[in-house]
Amino acid sequence: MSAARCPHCDQALRGIDLTPEGMGTCPSCGRKSVVVIFPALTTGNNTSPPALPDDPPAEGEAACFYNPKRRATKECSHCGVLISDAWAAHWGSDTVCLKCLEHLREKGQDARFQGSRTLWDNIALTLSLVPFTVVLWWAIVFTAPAALFLGIRHWNSPRSMVPRGRWRLVVAILLALIQVGGLAVGAVGLGLGWFGER
């Protein structure tokens, strides 16, 4: 069985006498604490939630698709079945049945169910910074165009699960443009013999 713990010394507060206000003294450190016992702790874990009140459809009224003993009050905006209030869930501005809500979550068909997101701005920024390392400077031929492409391609993509700006994409695109420009100047210079022996 669960036991309350003293917030000061973390010892279990078992067998203490509570005042009517819920005050108890810790047998270990002697400090007073307020102990609030919820009814679920004393009734056990085998209790089931209370049953919903009966709401049978009247003659000529529509019945809930999932529970014909209940009156249909809404329509699922995803699959179109008539549902009762017990089977309805508000999802943004839509009302969907619980089956469709579970289906959307399992299939990942709704962006609001995302648990993770690819951070394209971080990837583009990393690619644009790779040529500045001593070991991978030669990779500029691959990383600069890739960083430029990802920065432009994912400009409007969701950046993170928490709000953040586009500064990483801006820096990545600027660095990639400088690097691609440098590569272009170098290629033209080699073609025209600018860097040849004199």
N, C-alpha and C. Protein backbone atom coordinates (compact mmCIF):
# COMPACT_ATOMS: atom_id res chain seq x y z
N MET A 1 0.83 -1.19 0.00
CA MET A 1 0.00 0.00 0.00
C MET A 1 0.87 1.24 0.00
N SER A 2 0.38 2.29 -0.63
CA SER A 2 1.12 3.55 -0.70
C SER A 2 1.17 4.20 0.67
N ALA A 3 2.20 4.99 0.88
CA ALA A 3 2.33 5.73 2.13
C ALA A 3 2.79 7.14 1.82
N ALA A 4 2.28 8.10 2.59
CA ALA A 4 2.74 9.47 2.45
C ALA A 4 4.17 9.55 2.96
N ARG A 5 4.94 10.48 2.39
CA ARG A 5 6.34 10.63 2.79
C ARG A 5 6.54 12.04 3.32
N CYS A 6 7.41 12.15 4.29
CA CYS A 6 7.73 13.44 4.88
C CYS A 6 8.46 14.29 3.83
N PRO A 7 8.01 15.53 3.60
CA PRO A 7 8.69 16.36 2.59
C PRO A 7 10.06 16.85 3.03
N HIS A 8 10.42 16.67 4.30
CA HIS A 8 11.69 17.16 4.81
C HIS A 8 12.76 16.07 4.84
N CYS A 9 12.39 14.86 5.37
CA CYS A 9 13.39 13.80 5.48
C CYS A 9 13.09 12.60 4.60
N ASP A 10 11.98 12.61 3.88
CA ASP A 10 11.59 11.57 2.93
C ASP A 10 11.31 10.23 3.58
N GLN A 11 11.01 10.20 4.86
CA GLN A 11 10.66 8.96 5.54
C GLN A 11 9.16 8.72 5.40
N ALA A 12 8.75 7.44 5.37
CA ALA A 12 7.34 7.10 5.24
C ALA A 12 6.60 7.50 6.52
N LEU A 13 5.45 8.14 6.33
CA LEU A 13 4.63 8.57 7.47
C LEU A 13 3.58 7.50 7.76
N ARG A 14 4.01 6.38 8.28
CA ARG A 14 3.10 5.27 8.58
C ARG A 14 2.72 5.31 10.07
N GLY A 15 1.46 5.05 10.33
CA GLY A 15 1.00 4.92 11.70
C GLY A 15 1.02 6.20 12.50
N ILE A 16 0.94 7.35 11.85
CA ILE A 16 0.92 8.60 12.60
C ILE A 16 -0.53 9.00 12.87
N ASP A 17 -0.75 9.72 13.94
CA ASP A 17 -2.07 10.22 14.28
C ASP A 17 -2.25 11.60 13.67
N LEU A 18 -3.31 11.74 12.88
CA LEU A 18 -3.58 13.02 12.23
C LEU A 18 -4.58 13.82 13.04
N THR A 19 -4.39 15.12 13.06
CA THR A 19 -5.37 16.01 13.67
C THR A 19 -6.53 16.17 12.70
N PRO A 20 -7.66 16.72 13.13
CA PRO A 20 -8.78 16.94 12.20
C PRO A 20 -8.40 17.80 11.00
N GLU A 21 -7.39 18.66 11.14
CA GLU A 21 -6.95 19.49 10.02
C GLU A 21 -6.00 18.75 9.10
N GLY A 22 -5.66 17.51 9.43
CA GLY A 22 -4.75 16.73 8.60
C GLY A 22 -3.29 16.92 8.96
N MET A 23 -3.01 17.53 10.12
CA MET A 23 -1.63 17.74 10.53
C MET A 23 -1.09 16.46 11.16
N GLY A 24 0.13 16.14 10.82
CA GLY A 24 0.79 14.98 11.39
C GLY A 24 2.25 15.29 11.68
N THR A 25 2.83 14.62 12.67
CA THR A 25 4.22 14.84 13.03
C THR A 25 5.04 13.66 12.56
N CYS A 26 6.12 13.94 11.85
CA CYS A 26 6.99 12.89 11.33
C CYS A 26 7.70 12.21 12.50
N PRO A 27 7.65 10.87 12.59
CA PRO A 27 8.32 10.18 13.70
C PRO A 27 9.84 10.23 13.59
N SER A 28 10.36 10.56 12.42
CA SER A 28 11.81 10.56 12.23
C SER A 28 12.43 11.92 12.55
N CYS A 29 11.91 13.00 11.92
CA CYS A 29 12.53 14.31 12.11
C CYS A 29 11.72 15.22 13.02
N GLY A 30 10.47 14.84 13.34
CA GLY A 30 9.66 15.62 14.27
C GLY A 30 8.99 16.84 13.67
N ARG A 31 9.11 17.04 12.38
CA ARG A 31 8.47 18.20 11.75
C ARG A 31 7.02 17.90 11.44
N LYS A 32 6.22 18.95 11.44
CA LYS A 32 4.79 18.80 11.16
C LYS A 32 4.55 18.96 9.66
N SER A 33 3.63 18.16 9.13
CA SER A 33 3.24 18.20 7.73
C SER A 33 1.74 18.02 7.63
N VAL A 34 1.17 18.55 6.55
CA VAL A 34 -0.25 18.35 6.26
C VAL A 34 -0.37 17.14 5.35
N VAL A 35 -1.19 16.16 5.76
CA VAL A 35 -1.39 14.95 4.98
C VAL A 35 -2.84 14.94 4.49
N VAL A 36 -3.03 14.88 3.18
CA VAL A 36 -4.36 14.83 2.59
C VAL A 36 -4.54 13.44 1.98
N ILE A 37 -5.55 12.72 2.46
CA ILE A 37 -5.81 11.37 1.97
C ILE A 37 -6.97 11.43 0.98
N PHE A 38 -6.71 11.00 -0.24
CA PHE A 38 -7.75 10.97 -1.25
C PHE A 38 -8.60 9.72 -1.08
N PRO A 39 -9.88 9.80 -1.40
CA PRO A 39 -10.77 8.64 -1.21
C PRO A 39 -10.32 7.40 -1.99
N ALA A 40 -9.70 7.59 -3.14
CA ALA A 40 -9.28 6.44 -3.94
C ALA A 40 -8.25 5.58 -3.20
N LEU A 41 -7.52 6.18 -2.26
CA LEU A 41 -6.51 5.43 -1.52
C LEU A 41 -7.15 4.44 -0.55
N THR A 42 -8.30 4.78 -0.03
CA THR A 42 -8.95 3.90 0.94
C THR A 42 -9.98 2.96 0.32
N THR A 43 -10.47 3.29 -0.90
CA THR A 43 -11.49 2.43 -1.51
C THR A 43 -10.90 1.30 -2.31
N GLY A 44 -9.61 1.31 -2.59
CA GLY A 44 -8.98 0.24 -3.36
C GLY A 44 -8.91 0.60 -4.83
N ASN A 45 -8.16 -0.21 -5.57
CA ASN A 45 -7.93 0.06 -6.98
C ASN A 45 -8.88 -0.69 -7.89
N ASN A 46 -9.79 -1.52 -7.34
CA ASN A 46 -10.65 -2.34 -8.17
C ASN A 46 -11.97 -1.65 -8.53
N THR A 47 -12.13 -0.41 -8.11
CA THR A 47 -13.39 0.26 -8.42
C THR A 47 -13.40 0.71 -9.86
N SER A 48 -14.54 0.66 -10.50
CA SER A 48 -14.68 1.08 -11.89
C SER A 48 -15.29 2.48 -11.92
N PRO A 49 -15.07 3.20 -13.01
CA PRO A 49 -15.65 4.54 -13.08
C PRO A 49 -17.17 4.45 -13.10
N PRO A 50 -17.84 5.49 -12.66
CA PRO A 50 -19.30 5.45 -12.64
C PRO A 50 -19.85 5.32 -14.06
N ALA A 51 -20.96 4.60 -14.16
CA ALA A 51 -21.58 4.39 -15.46
C ALA A 51 -22.21 5.68 -15.96
N LEU A 52 -22.19 5.84 -17.27
CA LEU A 52 -22.83 7.01 -17.86
C LEU A 52 -24.34 6.90 -17.72
N PRO A 53 -25.03 8.00 -17.54
CA PRO A 53 -26.49 7.92 -17.44
C PRO A 53 -27.08 7.47 -18.78
N ASP A 54 -28.18 6.72 -18.69
CA ASP A 54 -28.84 6.26 -19.91
C ASP A 54 -29.42 7.43 -20.67
N ASP A 55 -29.26 7.39 -21.98
CA ASP A 55 -29.79 8.43 -22.84
C ASP A 55 -30.28 7.77 -24.13
N PRO A 56 -31.31 6.92 -24.04
CA PRO A 56 -31.76 6.21 -25.23
C PRO A 56 -32.42 7.15 -26.23
N PRO A 57 -32.26 6.84 -27.53
CA PRO A 57 -32.89 7.69 -28.52
C PRO A 57 -34.41 7.54 -28.49
N ALA A 58 -35.11 8.64 -28.72
CA ALA A 58 -36.57 8.61 -28.78
C ALA A 58 -36.99 8.09 -30.16
N GLU A 59 -38.24 7.85 -30.31
CA GLU A 59 -38.76 7.36 -31.58
C GLU A 59 -38.44 8.35 -32.68
N GLY A 60 -37.78 7.89 -33.72
CA GLY A 60 -37.42 8.75 -34.85
C GLY A 60 -36.08 9.45 -34.71
N GLU A 61 -35.42 9.36 -33.54
CA GLU A 61 -34.11 9.98 -33.35
C GLU A 61 -33.01 9.00 -33.75
N ALA A 62 -31.89 9.54 -34.14
CA ALA A 62 -30.75 8.71 -34.54
C ALA A 62 -30.05 8.16 -33.30
N ALA A 63 -29.56 6.94 -33.45
CA ALA A 63 -28.81 6.29 -32.38
C ALA A 63 -27.32 6.40 -32.65
N CYS A 64 -26.54 6.34 -31.60
CA CYS A 64 -25.08 6.37 -31.73
C CYS A 64 -24.62 5.13 -32.48
N PHE A 65 -23.67 5.31 -33.39
CA PHE A 65 -23.16 4.21 -34.19
C PHE A 65 -22.47 3.16 -33.32
N TYR A 66 -21.75 3.60 -32.29
CA TYR A 66 -20.98 2.69 -31.45
C TYR A 66 -21.76 2.16 -30.26
N ASN A 67 -22.78 2.88 -29.82
CA ASN A 67 -23.61 2.44 -28.71
C ASN A 67 -25.06 2.77 -29.03
N PRO A 68 -25.78 1.83 -29.64
CA PRO A 68 -27.15 2.11 -30.09
C PRO A 68 -28.11 2.47 -28.95
N LYS A 69 -27.72 2.25 -27.70
CA LYS A 69 -28.59 2.60 -26.58
C LYS A 69 -28.47 4.08 -26.21
N ARG A 70 -27.63 4.79 -26.91
CA ARG A 70 -27.45 6.22 -26.63
C ARG A 70 -27.88 7.05 -27.83
N ARG A 71 -28.39 8.22 -27.57
CA ARG A 71 -28.87 9.12 -28.61
C ARG A 71 -27.69 9.79 -29.30
N ALA A 72 -27.71 9.84 -30.64
CA ALA A 72 -26.66 10.50 -31.41
C ALA A 72 -26.86 12.01 -31.35
N THR A 73 -25.80 12.72 -31.00
CA THR A 73 -25.89 14.18 -30.90
C THR A 73 -24.91 14.88 -31.83
N LYS A 74 -23.94 14.14 -32.35
CA LYS A 74 -22.91 14.76 -33.18
C LYS A 74 -22.59 13.85 -34.36
N GLU A 75 -21.85 14.42 -35.30
CA GLU A 75 -21.39 13.65 -36.46
C GLU A 75 -19.87 13.74 -36.52
N CYS A 76 -19.22 12.61 -36.72
CA CYS A 76 -17.76 12.58 -36.83
C CYS A 76 -17.36 13.28 -38.13
N SER A 77 -16.53 14.29 -38.03
CA SER A 77 -16.12 15.02 -39.22
C SER A 77 -15.08 14.27 -40.04
N HIS A 78 -14.59 13.15 -39.50
CA HIS A 78 -13.58 12.36 -40.23
C HIS A 78 -14.22 11.22 -41.02
N CYS A 79 -15.09 10.43 -40.36
CA CYS A 79 -15.70 9.29 -41.05
C CYS A 79 -17.19 9.47 -41.31
N GLY A 80 -17.83 10.45 -40.67
CA GLY A 80 -19.21 10.76 -40.95
C GLY A 80 -20.26 10.00 -40.18
N VAL A 81 -19.88 9.13 -39.23
CA VAL A 81 -20.89 8.38 -38.47
C VAL A 81 -21.50 9.28 -37.41
N LEU A 82 -22.72 8.95 -37.02
CA LEU A 82 -23.41 9.68 -35.95
C LEU A 82 -22.99 9.10 -34.61
N ILE A 83 -22.63 9.96 -33.67
CA ILE A 83 -22.09 9.52 -32.39
C ILE A 83 -22.75 10.27 -31.24
N SER A 84 -22.68 9.67 -30.07
CA SER A 84 -23.19 10.32 -28.86
C SER A 84 -22.07 11.16 -28.24
N ASP A 85 -22.44 11.92 -27.22
CA ASP A 85 -21.44 12.76 -26.55
C ASP A 85 -20.32 11.92 -25.93
N ALA A 86 -20.66 10.70 -25.49
CA ALA A 86 -19.65 9.84 -24.87
C ALA A 86 -18.59 9.38 -25.87
N TRP A 87 -18.92 9.32 -27.15
CA TRP A 87 -17.99 8.86 -28.18
C TRP A 87 -17.38 10.01 -28.96
N ALA A 88 -17.68 11.24 -28.59
CA ALA A 88 -17.19 12.41 -29.33
C ALA A 88 -15.96 13.01 -28.66
N ALA A 89 -15.06 13.48 -29.48
CA ALA A 89 -13.87 14.18 -29.00
C ALA A 89 -13.67 15.42 -29.85
N HIS A 90 -13.35 16.53 -29.22
CA HIS A 90 -13.07 17.75 -29.96
C HIS A 90 -11.60 17.76 -30.32
N TRP A 91 -11.32 17.87 -31.61
CA TRP A 91 -9.94 17.88 -32.11
C TRP A 91 -9.76 19.14 -32.95
N GLY A 92 -9.23 20.19 -32.33
CA GLY A 92 -9.16 21.48 -33.00
C GLY A 92 -10.57 22.01 -33.18
N SER A 93 -10.92 22.33 -34.40
CA SER A 93 -12.27 22.80 -34.70
C SER A 93 -13.18 21.66 -35.13
N ASP A 94 -12.67 20.44 -35.19
CA ASP A 94 -13.44 19.28 -35.63
C ASP A 94 -13.97 18.49 -34.45
N THR A 95 -15.01 17.72 -34.71
CA THR A 95 -15.52 16.74 -33.76
C THR A 95 -15.32 15.38 -34.39
N VAL A 96 -14.55 14.53 -33.75
CA VAL A 96 -14.25 13.20 -34.30
C VAL A 96 -14.66 12.13 -33.29
N CYS A 97 -14.95 10.94 -33.81
CA CYS A 97 -15.25 9.83 -32.91
C CYS A 97 -13.94 9.29 -32.33
N LEU A 98 -14.03 8.56 -31.24
CA LEU A 98 -12.83 8.06 -30.58
C LEU A 98 -12.06 7.08 -31.45
N LYS A 99 -12.76 6.33 -32.30
CA LYS A 99 -12.08 5.39 -33.21
C LYS A 99 -11.22 6.15 -34.20
N CYS A 100 -11.77 7.22 -34.78
CA CYS A 100 -11.00 8.01 -35.74
C CYS A 100 -9.84 8.72 -35.07
N LEU A 101 -10.05 9.17 -33.84
CA LEU A 101 -8.97 9.82 -33.11
C LEU A 101 -7.81 8.85 -32.90
N GLU A 102 -8.12 7.63 -32.52
CA GLU A 102 -7.09 6.60 -32.35
C GLU A 102 -6.43 6.27 -33.69
N HIS A 103 -7.23 6.21 -34.75
CA HIS A 103 -6.70 5.91 -36.08
C HIS A 103 -5.74 7.01 -36.54
N LEU A 104 -6.11 8.26 -36.31
CA LEU A 104 -5.23 9.37 -36.68
C LEU A 104 -3.92 9.31 -35.90
N ARG A 105 -4.01 8.94 -34.63
CA ARG A 105 -2.80 8.87 -33.81
C ARG A 105 -1.89 7.74 -34.26
N GLU A 106 -2.47 6.56 -34.53
CA GLU A 106 -1.66 5.40 -34.92
C GLU A 106 -1.01 5.58 -36.28
N LYS A 107 -1.75 6.13 -37.23
CA LYS A 107 -1.24 6.27 -38.59
C LYS A 107 -0.40 7.52 -38.78
N GLY A 108 -0.43 8.42 -37.80
CA GLY A 108 0.34 9.66 -37.92
C GLY A 108 -0.16 10.54 -39.04
N GLN A 109 -1.47 10.51 -39.32
CA GLN A 109 -2.02 11.28 -40.42
C GLN A 109 -2.34 12.72 -40.03
N ASP A 110 -2.11 13.08 -38.82
CA ASP A 110 -2.41 14.43 -38.37
C ASP A 110 -1.15 15.00 -37.72
N ALA A 111 -0.72 16.16 -38.20
CA ALA A 111 0.51 16.76 -37.69
C ALA A 111 0.44 17.08 -36.21
N ARG A 112 -0.77 17.20 -35.66
CA ARG A 112 -0.91 17.53 -34.24
C ARG A 112 -0.53 16.35 -33.35
N PHE A 113 -0.34 15.16 -33.92
CA PHE A 113 0.05 13.99 -33.14
C PHE A 113 1.55 13.73 -33.19
N GLN A 114 2.31 14.63 -33.74
CA GLN A 114 3.74 14.39 -33.88
C GLN A 114 4.42 14.33 -32.52
N GLY A 115 5.24 13.31 -32.33
CA GLY A 115 6.00 13.18 -31.11
C GLY A 115 7.44 13.61 -31.30
N SER A 116 7.87 13.73 -32.55
CA SER A 116 9.22 14.18 -32.85
C SER A 116 9.20 14.89 -34.20
N ARG A 117 10.25 15.61 -34.47
CA ARG A 117 10.30 16.37 -35.70
C ARG A 117 11.75 16.50 -36.14
N THR A 118 12.01 16.38 -37.45
CA THR A 118 13.36 16.55 -37.98
C THR A 118 13.71 18.02 -37.98
N LEU A 119 14.84 18.35 -37.38
CA LEU A 119 15.28 19.74 -37.28
C LEU A 119 16.14 20.08 -38.50
N TRP A 120 15.48 20.42 -39.61
CA TRP A 120 16.19 20.69 -40.85
C TRP A 120 17.09 21.91 -40.71
N ASP A 121 16.72 22.87 -39.88
CA ASP A 121 17.57 24.05 -39.72
C ASP A 121 18.89 23.69 -39.07
N ASN A 122 18.87 22.77 -38.11
CA ASN A 122 20.12 22.31 -37.49
C ASN A 122 20.98 21.55 -38.49
N ILE A 123 20.35 20.72 -39.32
CA ILE A 123 21.10 19.94 -40.31
C ILE A 123 21.75 20.87 -41.32
N ALA A 124 20.98 21.85 -41.82
CA ALA A 124 21.54 22.80 -42.80
C ALA A 124 22.68 23.60 -42.19
N LEU A 125 22.53 24.05 -40.96
CA LEU A 125 23.59 24.82 -40.30
C LEU A 125 24.84 23.97 -40.10
N THR A 126 24.65 22.73 -39.70
CA THR A 126 25.79 21.83 -39.51
C THR A 126 26.53 21.61 -40.82
N LEU A 127 25.78 21.37 -41.90
CA LEU A 127 26.42 21.17 -43.21
C LEU A 127 27.19 22.41 -43.65
N SER A 128 26.66 23.59 -43.36
CA SER A 128 27.36 24.81 -43.77
C SER A 128 28.60 25.07 -42.93
N LEU A 129 28.68 24.48 -41.74
CA LEU A 129 29.85 24.69 -40.87
C LEU A 129 30.92 23.61 -41.03
N VAL A 130 30.58 22.50 -41.66
CA VAL A 130 31.54 21.39 -41.80
C VAL A 130 32.82 21.82 -42.51
N PRO A 131 32.76 22.61 -43.60
CA PRO A 131 34.01 22.98 -44.27
C PRO A 131 34.97 23.82 -43.43
N PHE A 132 34.50 24.39 -42.33
CA PHE A 132 35.38 25.19 -41.49
C PHE A 132 36.23 24.33 -40.56
N THR A 133 36.01 23.02 -40.57
CA THR A 133 36.87 22.13 -39.78
C THR A 133 38.16 21.87 -40.54
N VAL A 134 39.20 21.55 -39.83
CA VAL A 134 40.50 21.33 -40.45
C VAL A 134 40.50 20.05 -41.29
N VAL A 135 39.81 19.03 -40.81
CA VAL A 135 39.86 17.72 -41.46
C VAL A 135 38.94 17.65 -42.68
N LEU A 136 37.76 18.28 -42.61
CA LEU A 136 36.76 18.11 -43.66
C LEU A 136 36.61 19.34 -44.56
N TRP A 137 37.65 20.15 -44.71
CA TRP A 137 37.54 21.34 -45.55
C TRP A 137 37.22 21.00 -46.99
N TRP A 138 37.71 19.86 -47.44
CA TRP A 138 37.51 19.44 -48.84
C TRP A 138 36.04 19.09 -49.14
N ALA A 139 35.22 18.86 -48.08
CA ALA A 139 33.82 18.47 -48.28
C ALA A 139 32.94 19.63 -48.69
N ILE A 140 33.52 20.83 -48.82
CA ILE A 140 32.74 22.01 -49.20
C ILE A 140 32.02 21.80 -50.53
N VAL A 141 32.58 21.00 -51.40
CA VAL A 141 31.97 20.74 -52.70
C VAL A 141 30.61 20.07 -52.53
N PHE A 142 30.45 19.26 -51.49
CA PHE A 142 29.20 18.55 -51.25
C PHE A 142 28.31 19.26 -50.23
N THR A 143 28.93 19.76 -49.17
CA THR A 143 28.13 20.29 -48.06
C THR A 143 27.51 21.65 -48.37
N ALA A 144 28.20 22.50 -49.09
CA ALA A 144 27.66 23.84 -49.38
C ALA A 144 26.39 23.75 -50.23
N PRO A 145 26.39 23.02 -51.35
CA PRO A 145 25.13 22.92 -52.10
C PRO A 145 24.02 22.22 -51.31
N ALA A 146 24.40 21.21 -50.51
CA ALA A 146 23.39 20.50 -49.72
C ALA A 146 22.78 21.42 -48.67
N ALA A 147 23.60 22.24 -48.01
CA ALA A 147 23.09 23.18 -47.01
C ALA A 147 22.19 24.23 -47.66
N LEU A 148 22.59 24.71 -48.84
CA LEU A 148 21.77 25.68 -49.56
C LEU A 148 20.43 25.08 -49.97
N PHE A 149 20.46 23.86 -50.48
CA PHE A 149 19.23 23.18 -50.88
C PHE A 149 18.30 22.97 -49.69
N LEU A 150 18.85 22.43 -48.57
CA LEU A 150 18.01 22.18 -47.39
C LEU A 150 17.46 23.47 -46.80
N GLY A 151 18.26 24.52 -46.81
CA GLY A 151 17.80 25.79 -46.26
C GLY A 151 16.63 26.37 -47.04
N ILE A 152 16.70 26.27 -48.37
CA ILE A 152 15.62 26.79 -49.21
C ILE A 152 14.42 25.85 -49.20
N ARG A 153 14.69 24.55 -49.30
CA ARG A 153 13.62 23.56 -49.37
C ARG A 153 12.77 23.53 -48.10
N HIS A 154 13.41 23.69 -46.95
CA HIS A 154 12.69 23.58 -45.67
C HIS A 154 12.50 24.93 -44.98
N TRP A 155 12.44 26.00 -45.77
CA TRP A 155 12.23 27.33 -45.20
C TRP A 155 10.91 27.41 -44.44
N ASN A 156 9.87 26.81 -44.98
CA ASN A 156 8.55 26.86 -44.34
C ASN A 156 8.20 25.59 -43.58
N SER A 157 9.12 24.64 -43.49
CA SER A 157 8.84 23.41 -42.75
C SER A 157 8.79 23.70 -41.25
N PRO A 158 8.00 22.93 -40.49
CA PRO A 158 8.00 23.11 -39.04
C PRO A 158 9.40 22.90 -38.49
N ARG A 159 9.86 23.83 -37.66
CA ARG A 159 11.24 23.79 -37.21
C ARG A 159 11.45 22.99 -35.93
N SER A 160 10.50 23.03 -35.05
CA SER A 160 10.69 22.36 -33.77
C SER A 160 9.34 22.16 -33.12
N MET A 161 9.30 21.30 -32.10
CA MET A 161 8.07 21.11 -31.35
C MET A 161 7.79 22.34 -30.47
N VAL A 162 8.84 23.09 -30.17
CA VAL A 162 8.67 24.34 -29.41
C VAL A 162 8.97 25.49 -30.36
N PRO A 163 8.34 26.64 -30.19
CA PRO A 163 8.55 27.76 -31.11
C PRO A 163 10.00 28.24 -31.10
N ARG A 164 10.52 28.46 -32.27
CA ARG A 164 11.84 29.08 -32.39
C ARG A 164 11.95 29.71 -33.77
N GLY A 165 12.87 30.64 -33.92
CA GLY A 165 12.98 31.43 -35.14
C GLY A 165 13.72 30.71 -36.26
N ARG A 166 13.94 31.48 -37.35
CA ARG A 166 14.60 30.92 -38.54
C ARG A 166 16.08 31.31 -38.61
N TRP A 167 16.67 31.81 -37.55
CA TRP A 167 18.02 32.32 -37.65
C TRP A 167 19.02 31.25 -38.08
N ARG A 168 18.80 30.00 -37.71
CA ARG A 168 19.71 28.93 -38.12
C ARG A 168 19.66 28.75 -39.64
N LEU A 169 18.45 28.80 -40.20
CA LEU A 169 18.32 28.69 -41.65
C LEU A 169 18.96 29.88 -42.35
N VAL A 170 18.79 31.08 -41.80
CA VAL A 170 19.38 32.27 -42.41
C VAL A 170 20.89 32.17 -42.42
N VAL A 171 21.48 31.79 -41.29
CA VAL A 171 22.94 31.65 -41.21
C VAL A 171 23.42 30.55 -42.15
N ALA A 172 22.72 29.43 -42.19
CA ALA A 172 23.11 28.32 -43.06
C ALA A 172 23.07 28.73 -44.52
N ILE A 173 22.01 29.43 -44.94
CA ILE A 173 21.89 29.85 -46.33
C ILE A 173 22.98 30.86 -46.69
N LEU A 174 23.24 31.83 -45.80
CA LEU A 174 24.28 32.83 -46.07
C LEU A 174 25.66 32.18 -46.19
N LEU A 175 25.99 31.29 -45.26
CA LEU A 175 27.29 30.61 -45.32
C LEU A 175 27.39 29.75 -46.57
N ALA A 176 26.30 29.07 -46.91
CA ALA A 176 26.31 28.21 -48.11
C ALA A 176 26.46 29.06 -49.37
N LEU A 177 25.79 30.22 -49.42
CA LEU A 177 25.94 31.10 -50.59
C LEU A 177 27.37 31.60 -50.73
N ILE A 178 27.99 31.96 -49.62
CA ILE A 178 29.39 32.41 -49.67
C ILE A 178 30.29 31.28 -50.16
N GLN A 179 30.05 30.07 -49.65
CA GLN A 179 30.88 28.94 -50.05
C GLN A 179 30.67 28.57 -51.52
N VAL A 180 29.41 28.54 -51.96
CA VAL A 180 29.13 28.22 -53.36
C VAL A 180 29.70 29.31 -54.27
N GLY A 181 29.58 30.57 -53.83
CA GLY A 181 30.17 31.66 -54.60
C GLY A 181 31.67 31.52 -54.71
N GLY A 182 32.32 31.16 -53.58
CA GLY A 182 33.77 30.93 -53.61
C GLY A 182 34.15 29.79 -54.53
N LEU A 183 33.37 28.73 -54.52
CA LEU A 183 33.63 27.60 -55.42
C LEU A 183 33.48 28.02 -56.87
N ALA A 184 32.45 28.83 -57.16
CA ALA A 184 32.23 29.28 -58.54
C ALA A 184 33.37 30.17 -59.01
N VAL A 185 33.80 31.09 -58.15
CA VAL A 185 34.92 31.97 -58.51
C VAL A 185 36.18 31.13 -58.73
N GLY A 186 36.40 30.15 -57.86
CA GLY A 186 37.58 29.29 -58.02
C GLY A 186 37.53 28.48 -59.31
N ALA A 187 36.34 27.97 -59.66
CA ALA A 187 36.21 27.19 -60.89
C ALA A 187 36.44 28.06 -62.11
N VAL A 188 35.86 29.28 -62.12
CA VAL A 188 36.06 30.20 -63.25
C VAL A 188 37.53 30.62 -63.32
N GLY A 189 38.13 30.87 -62.17
CA GLY A 189 39.54 31.26 -62.15
C GLY A 189 40.44 30.17 -62.69
N LEU A 190 40.17 28.93 -62.35
CA LEU A 190 40.96 27.82 -62.88
C LEU A 190 40.77 27.70 -64.39
N GLY A 191 39.51 27.90 -64.82
CA GLY A 191 39.23 27.80 -66.26
C GLY A 191 39.91 28.90 -67.05
N LEU A 192 40.04 30.09 -66.49
CA LEU A 192 40.65 31.22 -67.19
C LEU A 192 42.16 31.31 -66.91
N GLY A 193 42.65 30.45 -66.07
CA GLY A 193 44.08 30.43 -65.80
C GLY A 193 44.52 31.50 -64.83
N TRP A 194 43.60 31.98 -63.97
CA TRP A 194 43.97 33.02 -63.02
C TRP A 194 45.00 32.53 -62.01
N PHE A 195 44.96 31.23 -61.74
CA PHE A 195 45.83 30.69 -60.70
C PHE A 195 47.02 29.92 -61.30
N GLY A 196 47.30 30.17 -62.57
CA GLY A 196 48.41 29.48 -63.23
C GLY A 196 49.74 30.07 -62.84
N GLU A 197 50.80 29.42 -63.25
CA GLU A 197 52.14 29.89 -62.92
C GLU A 197 52.48 31.10 -63.79
N ARG A 198 53.23 32.03 -63.21
CA ARG A 198 53.63 33.23 -63.94
C ARG A 198 55.10 33.18 -64.22
